[in-house]
Protein backbone atom coordinates (compact mmCIF):
# COMPACT_ATOMS: atom_id res chain seq x y z
CA MET A 1 -61.43 -2.52 -9.03
CA SER A 2 -59.83 0.79 -10.04
CA SER A 3 -60.37 4.00 -8.08
CA ILE A 4 -62.76 5.37 -10.68
CA ASP A 5 -64.98 2.31 -10.18
CA THR A 6 -65.53 3.13 -6.52
CA PRO A 7 -69.33 3.40 -6.05
CA PHE A 8 -70.15 7.10 -5.71
CA GLU A 9 -73.79 7.62 -4.69
CA LEU A 10 -76.06 9.96 -6.63
CA HIS A 11 -77.17 13.01 -4.65
CA SER A 12 -80.84 13.04 -3.70
CA THR A 13 -81.24 16.50 -5.25
CA SER A 14 -81.10 14.99 -8.74
CA THR A 15 -84.39 15.31 -10.66
CA ALA A 16 -85.69 12.80 -13.19
CA ALA A 17 -84.92 15.23 -16.03
CA GLY A 18 -81.39 15.75 -14.81
CA THR A 19 -80.56 12.17 -13.89
CA LYS A 20 -78.38 11.55 -16.96
CA TYR A 21 -76.37 14.72 -16.37
CA ALA A 22 -76.22 14.03 -12.64
CA ARG A 23 -74.75 10.58 -13.23
CA LYS A 24 -72.14 12.00 -15.57
CA LYS A 25 -71.33 14.73 -13.03
CA VAL A 26 -70.79 12.08 -10.35
CA ALA A 27 -68.50 10.23 -12.77
CA ALA A 28 -66.62 13.50 -13.36
CA ILE A 29 -66.23 14.03 -9.61
CA ALA A 30 -64.98 10.46 -9.20
CA ALA A 31 -62.45 11.01 -12.01
CA ALA A 32 -61.26 14.28 -10.48
CA ALA A 33 -60.98 12.63 -7.06
CA GLN A 34 -58.82 9.89 -8.54
CA VAL A 35 -56.54 12.35 -10.31
CA PHE A 36 -56.17 14.69 -7.32
CA ALA A 37 -55.53 11.73 -4.99
CA GLU A 38 -52.79 10.42 -7.28
CA LYS A 39 -51.14 13.65 -8.47
CA GLY A 40 -52.19 16.34 -6.01
CA PHE A 41 -53.97 19.55 -6.94
CA HIS A 42 -50.91 21.30 -8.32
CA GLY A 43 -49.64 18.26 -10.21
CA ALA A 44 -53.01 17.48 -11.82
CA THR A 45 -54.42 19.01 -15.00
CA THR A 46 -57.90 19.17 -16.46
CA GLN A 47 -56.53 17.02 -19.30
CA ASP A 48 -55.74 14.31 -16.72
CA ILE A 49 -59.34 14.36 -15.51
CA ALA A 50 -60.72 14.29 -19.04
CA THR A 51 -58.45 11.35 -19.90
CA VAL A 52 -59.74 9.32 -16.96
CA MET A 53 -63.31 10.11 -18.08
CA GLY A 54 -62.52 9.24 -21.69
CA ILE A 55 -63.66 12.60 -23.04
CA LYS A 56 -62.03 15.61 -24.72
CA GLN A 57 -60.55 18.27 -22.46
CA GLY A 58 -63.00 20.88 -23.80
CA SER A 59 -65.95 18.70 -22.82
CA LEU A 60 -64.85 18.78 -19.19
CA TYR A 61 -66.02 22.41 -19.01
CA TYR A 62 -69.56 21.01 -19.07
CA TYR A 63 -68.92 19.64 -15.56
CA PHE A 64 -66.26 21.93 -14.09
CA LYS A 65 -65.58 25.57 -14.99
CA SER A 66 -62.01 25.24 -13.68
CA LYS A 67 -59.62 22.87 -11.92
CA GLU A 68 -60.34 24.80 -8.73
CA GLN A 69 -64.07 24.12 -9.18
CA ALA A 70 -63.30 20.42 -9.63
CA LEU A 71 -61.38 20.37 -6.35
CA GLN A 72 -64.22 22.14 -4.55
CA ASP A 73 -66.80 19.69 -5.92
CA VAL A 74 -64.69 16.68 -4.90
CA CYS A 75 -64.21 17.99 -1.35
CA GLU A 76 -67.88 18.86 -0.95
CA TYR A 77 -69.03 15.55 -2.39
CA GLY A 78 -66.85 13.58 0.00
CA PHE A 79 -68.00 15.57 3.02
CA GLU A 80 -71.72 16.03 2.31
CA ASN A 81 -72.51 12.32 2.45
CA TYR A 82 -70.45 12.08 5.62
CA VAL A 83 -72.65 14.71 7.31
CA GLN A 84 -75.88 13.24 5.93
CA GLN A 85 -75.08 9.89 7.54
CA MET A 86 -74.47 11.67 10.85
CA GLU A 87 -77.87 13.35 10.60
CA LYS A 88 -79.56 9.98 10.10
CA ILE A 89 -77.80 8.47 13.10
CA CYS A 90 -78.56 11.41 15.39
CA GLY A 91 -82.20 11.38 14.31
CA LYS A 92 -82.71 7.89 15.72
CA ALA A 93 -83.79 7.19 19.29
CA GLN A 94 -80.90 5.02 20.50
CA PRO A 95 -79.03 4.51 23.77
CA PHE A 96 -75.84 6.55 23.97
CA GLU A 97 -73.45 3.61 23.52
CA ALA A 98 -75.29 2.32 20.45
CA LYS A 99 -75.38 5.77 18.89
CA MET A 100 -71.68 6.40 19.51
CA GLN A 101 -70.81 3.01 18.02
CA MET A 102 -72.82 3.92 14.92
CA ILE A 103 -71.15 7.34 14.65
CA ILE A 104 -67.63 5.88 14.78
CA THR A 105 -68.59 3.12 12.35
CA SER A 106 -70.02 5.63 9.88
CA HIS A 107 -67.06 7.99 10.25
CA LEU A 108 -64.44 5.34 9.52
CA THR A 109 -66.43 3.44 6.91
CA THR A 110 -66.80 6.66 4.91
CA TYR A 111 -63.04 6.74 4.43
CA ARG A 112 -62.94 3.20 3.10
CA GLN A 113 -65.95 3.63 0.80
CA LYS A 114 -65.15 7.12 -0.51
CA ASN A 115 -61.41 6.94 -0.04
CA ASN A 116 -60.34 9.23 -2.89
CA ALA A 117 -62.84 11.99 -2.13
CA MET A 118 -62.12 11.94 1.60
CA LYS A 119 -58.36 11.76 1.02
CA VAL A 120 -58.53 14.80 -1.26
CA HIS A 121 -60.74 16.65 1.24
CA ASN A 122 -58.35 16.03 4.12
CA ASP A 123 -55.10 16.63 2.24
CA GLN A 124 -55.92 19.33 -0.31
CA ARG A 125 -58.94 21.41 0.69
CA LEU A 126 -56.66 24.18 1.94
CA TYR A 127 -55.59 24.81 -1.67
CA LEU A 128 -59.05 26.28 -2.17
CA PRO A 129 -59.45 30.02 -1.47
CA LYS A 130 -61.25 30.89 1.74
CA GLU A 131 -64.57 31.69 0.07
CA ARG A 132 -64.66 28.27 -1.62
CA ARG A 133 -64.06 26.54 1.72
CA GLN A 134 -67.01 28.21 3.43
CA HIS A 135 -69.49 25.40 2.73
CA LEU A 136 -66.97 22.82 3.92
CA LYS A 137 -66.49 24.81 7.13
CA GLU A 138 -70.25 24.91 7.68
CA LEU A 139 -70.51 21.15 7.14
CA GLY A 140 -67.68 20.51 9.59
CA THR A 141 -69.31 22.72 12.22
CA ARG A 142 -72.62 20.94 11.71
CA TYR A 143 -70.98 17.54 12.17
CA ARG A 144 -69.18 18.58 15.35
CA GLN A 145 -72.33 20.11 16.83
CA MET A 146 -74.27 16.89 16.26
CA LEU A 147 -71.50 14.94 17.98
CA GLU A 148 -71.51 17.37 20.90
CA ASN A 149 -75.29 17.00 21.19
CA THR A 150 -74.89 13.22 21.32
CA LEU A 151 -72.36 13.56 24.13
CA GLN A 152 -74.72 15.89 25.98
CA GLU A 153 -77.44 13.25 25.64
CA GLY A 154 -75.04 10.80 27.25
CA VAL A 155 -74.59 13.17 30.17
CA GLN A 156 -78.36 13.61 30.51
CA GLN A 157 -78.83 9.83 30.45
CA ARG A 158 -76.12 9.58 33.14
CA THR A 159 -74.21 7.21 30.88
CA ILE A 160 -71.09 9.39 30.88
CA ARG A 161 -69.58 11.75 33.45
CA ALA A 162 -71.39 15.02 34.03
CA ASP A 163 -68.14 17.00 34.27
CA ILE A 164 -66.77 16.26 30.79
CA ASP A 165 -66.17 19.08 28.33
CA THR A 166 -68.33 17.89 25.41
CA HIS A 167 -66.71 20.40 23.04
CA PHE A 168 -63.21 19.08 23.81
CA VAL A 169 -64.31 15.43 23.65
CA ALA A 170 -66.10 15.94 20.32
CA TYR A 171 -62.97 17.43 18.75
CA SER A 172 -60.89 14.60 20.23
CA ILE A 173 -63.14 11.88 18.78
CA ILE A 174 -63.12 13.56 15.37
CA GLY A 175 -59.34 13.87 15.47
CA MET A 176 -58.88 10.22 16.39
CA CYS A 177 -61.27 9.01 13.68
CA ASN A 178 -59.70 11.28 11.07
CA SER A 179 -56.23 9.95 11.90
CA TRP A 180 -57.29 6.32 11.67
CA GLY A 181 -59.38 7.14 8.60
CA ALA A 182 -56.22 8.40 6.92
CA TYR A 183 -54.55 5.07 7.70
CA LEU A 184 -57.52 3.22 6.20
CA VAL A 185 -57.07 5.21 2.99
CA ARG A 186 -53.32 4.58 2.78
CA ASP A 187 -53.33 0.92 3.83
CA GLU A 188 -56.00 -1.25 2.23
CA SER A 189 -54.85 -4.24 4.31
CA LEU A 190 -55.84 -2.47 7.54
CA ASP A 191 -58.93 -4.22 8.93
CA LEU A 192 -61.87 -1.79 8.99
CA PHE A 193 -63.92 -3.71 11.55
CA ASP A 194 -61.01 -4.06 13.99
CA THR A 195 -60.17 -0.35 13.65
CA ILE A 196 -63.79 0.61 14.37
CA GLN A 197 -63.94 -1.65 17.41
CA GLN A 198 -60.70 -0.35 18.89
CA CYS A 199 -61.72 3.29 18.43
CA ALA A 200 -65.17 2.65 19.93
CA ASP A 201 -63.67 0.76 22.85
CA LEU A 202 -61.27 3.61 23.59
CA VAL A 203 -64.08 6.21 23.50
CA LEU A 204 -66.60 4.19 25.51
CA ARG A 205 -64.34 2.40 28.00
CA GLY A 206 -61.08 4.33 28.17
CA VAL A 207 -57.78 2.78 29.16
CA LEU A 208 -58.03 2.32 32.93
CA ASN A 209 -58.41 -1.20 34.32
């Protein structure tokens, strides 16, 4: 299966009237993600994206007003689904350990399922001007706050220590998952399930005997 065949989900905001355009826009985002992942933002051209889509370069303007807009859409697409999954997990009434296992599973699985979009987000989002990164910053803050709230629930349930700094731990978990997520993108032979289990075990049980 080529990168462009990776199953990108259709956003829930699509209306019946706009479904055809929405599907083509998702295909355009997938094509741009493939090109940016392979060539980088500066090495890629709008012609490259159009070629992957099988359309004329001028037709690409229907989906992206500029290469910069294409990069923004790819980064936002990769990250929005990531945050939506977190919202679903945090909205469920689950014991702390079960919820944390689900969070780590979702975090790492997102990299394997949306590898191009997440790779581009992690490696190239800083090529966007500050104003175009604002939504990404808001999404990242939202994700971290939900993780912090989950940790605070663990403290309230007396499942984890009352003296932990939930802000520090949330950033640490995100950093660990992002690092291993990057490995999952680069190395397709890396076992996803084993990586999830080892990360969850480290978070929930630590390293002391």
